[in-house]
N, C-alpha and C. Protein backbone atom coordinates (compact mmCIF):
# COMPACT_ATOMS: atom_id res chain seq x y z
N MET A 1 -15.13 5.95 19.33
CA MET A 1 -15.27 6.85 17.98
C MET A 1 -16.31 6.83 17.12
N THR A 2 -16.79 8.00 16.98
CA THR A 2 -17.86 7.91 15.85
C THR A 2 -17.56 7.62 14.47
N ASP A 3 -18.55 7.03 13.76
CA ASP A 3 -18.33 6.34 12.38
C ASP A 3 -17.72 7.31 11.56
N TRP A 4 -17.87 8.71 11.73
CA TRP A 4 -17.26 9.52 10.68
C TRP A 4 -15.60 9.74 10.78
N ILE A 5 -15.32 9.53 12.19
CA ILE A 5 -13.71 9.38 12.32
C ILE A 5 -13.17 8.22 11.68
N TRP A 6 -13.74 6.94 11.76
CA TRP A 6 -13.23 5.76 11.23
C TRP A 6 -13.14 5.94 9.45
N ASP A 7 -14.39 6.67 9.04
CA ASP A 7 -14.18 6.94 7.65
C ASP A 7 -13.03 8.01 7.11
N ALA A 8 -12.97 8.95 8.13
CA ALA A 8 -12.08 9.77 7.59
C ALA A 8 -10.57 9.10 7.90
N ALA A 9 -10.34 8.31 8.71
CA ALA A 9 -8.72 7.73 8.82
C ALA A 9 -8.77 6.80 7.71
N ALA A 10 -9.72 6.16 7.32
CA ALA A 10 -9.75 5.34 5.95
C ALA A 10 -9.54 5.92 4.69
N LEU A 11 -10.14 7.25 4.86
CA LEU A 11 -9.97 8.07 3.43
C LEU A 11 -8.47 8.75 3.55
N VAL A 12 -7.89 9.18 4.58
CA VAL A 12 -6.41 9.42 4.77
C VAL A 12 -5.66 8.14 4.29
N CYS A 13 -6.01 6.96 4.68
CA CYS A 13 -4.95 5.96 4.34
C CYS A 13 -5.11 5.76 2.64
N ILE A 14 -6.14 6.04 2.21
CA ILE A 14 -6.57 5.85 0.69
C ILE A 14 -5.73 6.91 -0.13
N ILE A 15 -5.79 8.20 0.51
CA ILE A 15 -5.04 9.35 -0.15
C ILE A 15 -3.38 9.01 -0.03
N GLY A 16 -3.12 8.66 0.95
CA GLY A 16 -1.55 8.17 1.20
C GLY A 16 -1.24 7.14 0.37
N ALA A 17 -2.17 6.13 0.04
CA ALA A 17 -1.62 5.05 -0.93
C ALA A 17 -1.70 5.56 -2.32
N ALA A 18 -2.69 6.59 -2.69
CA ALA A 18 -2.33 7.12 -4.14
C ALA A 18 -1.31 7.83 -4.08
N ALA A 19 -0.86 8.84 -3.10
CA ALA A 19 0.35 9.56 -3.30
C ALA A 19 1.47 8.83 -3.46
N LEU A 20 1.60 7.55 -2.67
CA LEU A 20 2.89 6.75 -3.03
C LEU A 20 2.75 6.12 -4.39
N SER A 21 1.54 5.85 -5.07
CA SER A 21 1.52 5.58 -6.21
C SER A 21 1.96 6.17 -7.30
N VAL A 22 1.71 7.96 -7.05
CA VAL A 22 2.30 8.77 -7.77
C VAL A 22 3.85 9.05 -7.79
N ALA A 23 4.22 8.81 -6.30
CA ALA A 23 5.82 8.75 -6.23
C ALA A 23 6.44 7.61 -7.18
N ALA A 24 5.78 6.59 -7.08
CA ALA A 24 6.18 5.21 -7.93
C ALA A 24 6.22 5.49 -9.26
N ALA A 25 5.26 6.20 -9.70
CA ALA A 25 5.24 6.44 -11.27
C ALA A 25 6.20 7.47 -11.62
N LEU A 26 6.10 8.58 -10.62
CA LEU A 26 7.41 9.65 -11.05
C LEU A 26 8.90 8.93 -10.95
N GLY A 27 9.06 7.96 -10.13
CA GLY A 27 10.21 7.30 -10.15
C GLY A 27 10.58 6.33 -11.26
N LEU A 28 9.54 5.94 -11.88
CA LEU A 28 9.40 5.27 -12.83
C LEU A 28 9.69 5.99 -14.30
N LEU A 29 9.25 7.22 -13.94
CA LEU A 29 9.49 7.99 -15.13
C LEU A 29 11.05 8.81 -15.34
N ARG A 30 11.46 9.02 -13.75
CA ARG A 30 12.52 9.98 -13.84
C ARG A 30 13.91 9.27 -13.55
N PHE A 31 13.93 8.06 -12.85
CA PHE A 31 15.11 7.45 -12.68
C PHE A 31 15.81 6.66 -14.00
N PRO A 32 17.07 6.81 -14.02
CA PRO A 32 17.86 6.68 -15.29
C PRO A 32 18.15 4.92 -15.62
N ASP A 33 18.16 4.20 -14.76
CA ASP A 33 18.47 2.89 -15.09
C ASP A 33 17.50 1.86 -14.52
N ALA A 34 17.42 0.57 -15.12
CA ALA A 34 16.33 -0.15 -14.54
C ALA A 34 16.35 -0.60 -13.32
N LEU A 35 17.43 -0.78 -12.57
CA LEU A 35 17.65 -1.24 -11.12
C LEU A 35 16.73 -0.19 -10.52
N SER A 36 17.28 1.16 -10.52
CA SER A 36 16.53 2.19 -9.99
C SER A 36 15.00 2.14 -10.19
N ARG A 37 14.74 2.15 -11.33
CA ARG A 37 13.23 1.91 -11.93
C ARG A 37 12.51 0.82 -10.94
N LEU A 38 13.23 -0.38 -10.80
CA LEU A 38 12.49 -1.45 -9.92
C LEU A 38 12.31 -1.08 -8.70
N HIS A 39 13.40 -0.43 -8.17
CA HIS A 39 13.53 -0.03 -6.61
C HIS A 39 12.21 1.06 -6.47
N ALA A 40 12.22 1.74 -7.28
CA ALA A 40 10.86 3.00 -7.11
C ALA A 40 9.68 2.52 -7.58
N ALA A 41 9.61 1.22 -8.14
CA ALA A 41 8.25 0.67 -8.40
C ALA A 41 7.90 -0.32 -7.36
N THR A 42 8.81 -0.69 -6.34
CA THR A 42 8.61 -1.97 -5.34
C THR A 42 8.61 -1.46 -4.15
N THR A 43 9.01 -0.27 -3.57
CA THR A 43 9.19 0.15 -2.33
C THR A 43 7.71 0.91 -1.99
N PRO A 44 7.29 1.77 -2.82
CA PRO A 44 5.98 2.52 -2.61
C PRO A 44 4.88 1.32 -2.91
N GLN A 45 4.92 0.31 -3.35
CA GLN A 45 4.03 -0.80 -3.72
C GLN A 45 3.56 -1.50 -2.32
N ILE A 46 4.50 -1.62 -1.61
CA ILE A 46 4.42 -2.17 -0.32
C ILE A 46 3.66 -1.48 0.82
N PHE A 47 4.10 -0.14 0.78
CA PHE A 47 3.56 0.43 1.86
C PHE A 47 2.30 1.24 1.37
N GLY A 48 2.15 1.34 -0.01
CA GLY A 48 1.08 1.54 -0.52
C GLY A 48 -0.18 0.52 -0.13
N LEU A 49 0.43 -0.70 -0.24
CA LEU A 49 -0.64 -2.01 0.02
C LEU A 49 -0.87 -1.87 1.59
N LEU A 50 -0.02 -1.46 2.32
CA LEU A 50 -0.34 -1.56 3.61
C LEU A 50 -1.45 -0.46 3.97
N LEU A 51 -1.06 0.64 3.48
CA LEU A 51 -2.45 1.64 3.55
C LEU A 51 -3.73 1.36 2.98
N VAL A 52 -3.65 0.69 2.05
CA VAL A 52 -5.12 0.19 1.51
C VAL A 52 -5.50 -1.05 2.41
N ILE A 53 -4.78 -1.84 2.88
CA ILE A 53 -5.18 -2.85 3.72
C ILE A 53 -5.81 -2.05 5.01
N ALA A 54 -5.01 -1.35 5.63
CA ALA A 54 -5.42 -0.54 6.81
C ALA A 54 -6.84 0.21 6.61
N ALA A 55 -7.04 0.87 5.33
CA ALA A 55 -8.41 1.52 4.89
C ALA A 55 -9.33 0.50 4.70
N ILE A 56 -9.17 -0.46 4.17
CA ILE A 56 -10.27 -1.77 4.16
C ILE A 56 -10.74 -2.00 5.58
N ALA A 57 -9.56 -2.28 6.28
CA ALA A 57 -10.06 -2.63 7.92
C ALA A 57 -10.45 -1.66 8.70
N LEU A 58 -10.23 -0.37 8.41
CA LEU A 58 -11.02 0.72 9.15
C LEU A 58 -12.52 0.88 8.57
N ASP A 59 -12.68 0.55 7.41
CA ASP A 59 -14.15 0.79 6.75
C ASP A 59 -14.99 -0.41 7.21
N GLN A 60 -14.27 -1.74 7.12
CA GLN A 60 -15.24 -2.74 7.61
C GLN A 60 -15.39 -3.23 8.98
N ARG A 61 -14.35 -2.64 9.95
CA ARG A 61 -14.35 -2.82 11.27
C ARG A 61 -14.65 -4.06 11.68
N SER A 62 -14.06 -5.24 11.14
CA SER A 62 -14.12 -6.46 11.35
C SER A 62 -12.99 -7.19 11.67
N TRP A 63 -12.88 -7.95 12.52
CA TRP A 63 -11.54 -9.02 12.92
C TRP A 63 -11.44 -9.80 11.85
N VAL A 64 -12.51 -10.37 11.27
CA VAL A 64 -12.32 -11.32 10.36
C VAL A 64 -11.87 -10.84 8.83
N THR A 65 -12.48 -9.73 8.58
CA THR A 65 -11.73 -9.10 7.42
C THR A 65 -10.21 -8.71 7.73
N LEU A 66 -9.84 -8.43 8.88
CA LEU A 66 -8.44 -7.95 9.14
C LEU A 66 -7.66 -9.23 8.95
N LEU A 67 -8.15 -10.25 9.63
CA LEU A 67 -7.33 -11.72 9.59
C LEU A 67 -7.19 -12.26 8.25
N ALA A 68 -8.22 -12.03 7.40
CA ALA A 68 -8.01 -12.23 5.93
C ALA A 68 -7.14 -11.51 5.04
N LEU A 69 -6.99 -10.15 5.41
CA LEU A 69 -6.12 -9.44 4.81
C LEU A 69 -4.38 -9.67 5.32
N ILE A 70 -4.19 -10.09 6.23
CA ILE A 70 -3.01 -10.12 6.81
C ILE A 70 -2.24 -11.19 5.94
N PRO A 71 -2.67 -12.13 5.31
CA PRO A 71 -1.81 -13.03 4.62
C PRO A 71 -1.78 -12.47 3.19
N VAL A 72 -2.62 -11.48 2.61
CA VAL A 72 -2.57 -10.74 1.64
C VAL A 72 -1.09 -9.78 1.68
N PHE A 73 -0.93 -9.09 2.75
CA PHE A 73 0.20 -8.26 2.84
C PHE A 73 1.42 -9.14 2.91
N VAL A 74 1.35 -10.18 3.83
CA VAL A 74 2.67 -10.84 4.18
C VAL A 74 3.05 -11.47 2.73
N PHE A 75 2.20 -12.13 1.96
CA PHE A 75 2.77 -12.66 0.62
C PHE A 75 3.03 -11.77 -0.32
N GLN A 76 2.46 -10.48 -0.23
CA GLN A 76 3.06 -9.36 -1.10
C GLN A 76 4.11 -8.83 -0.57
N SER A 77 4.47 -8.80 0.27
CA SER A 77 5.61 -8.01 1.24
C SER A 77 7.00 -9.06 0.86
N LEU A 78 6.43 -10.45 0.78
CA LEU A 78 7.55 -11.37 0.50
C LEU A 78 8.06 -11.68 -0.87
N THR A 79 6.99 -11.35 -1.83
CA THR A 79 7.25 -11.59 -3.37
C THR A 79 7.38 -10.46 -4.08
N ALA A 80 7.12 -9.20 -3.83
CA ALA A 80 7.42 -8.24 -4.72
C ALA A 80 9.00 -7.80 -4.58
N PRO A 81 9.35 -7.81 -3.27
CA PRO A 81 10.97 -7.44 -3.27
C PRO A 81 11.65 -8.53 -3.87
N VAL A 82 11.52 -9.68 -3.90
CA VAL A 82 12.12 -10.90 -4.51
C VAL A 82 11.98 -10.68 -6.06
N ALA A 83 10.82 -10.29 -6.37
CA ALA A 83 10.59 -10.37 -7.93
C ALA A 83 11.32 -9.24 -8.44
N ALA A 84 11.68 -7.93 -7.80
CA ALA A 84 12.21 -6.88 -8.27
C ALA A 84 13.89 -7.33 -8.13
N HIS A 85 14.20 -7.91 -7.26
CA HIS A 85 15.58 -8.33 -7.05
C HIS A 85 16.10 -9.13 -8.39
């Protein structure tokens, strides 16, 4: 694949993560109680982080970078839902 395809895929991932952040912000504003707001903040955070990590991996095109980012995703996906619960 050419370089611009990798860059376009990374851009799509970043735009998707931004859309999830906007959805989380709208959920924080619109949901009536605290538990619903916590759910609205946590779920898009995990998927948004996955998209940002994918964008970084696509941009850097390095296995070392990907292996360094995997623990970030694992620890964040383990701690964010527990903190919201």
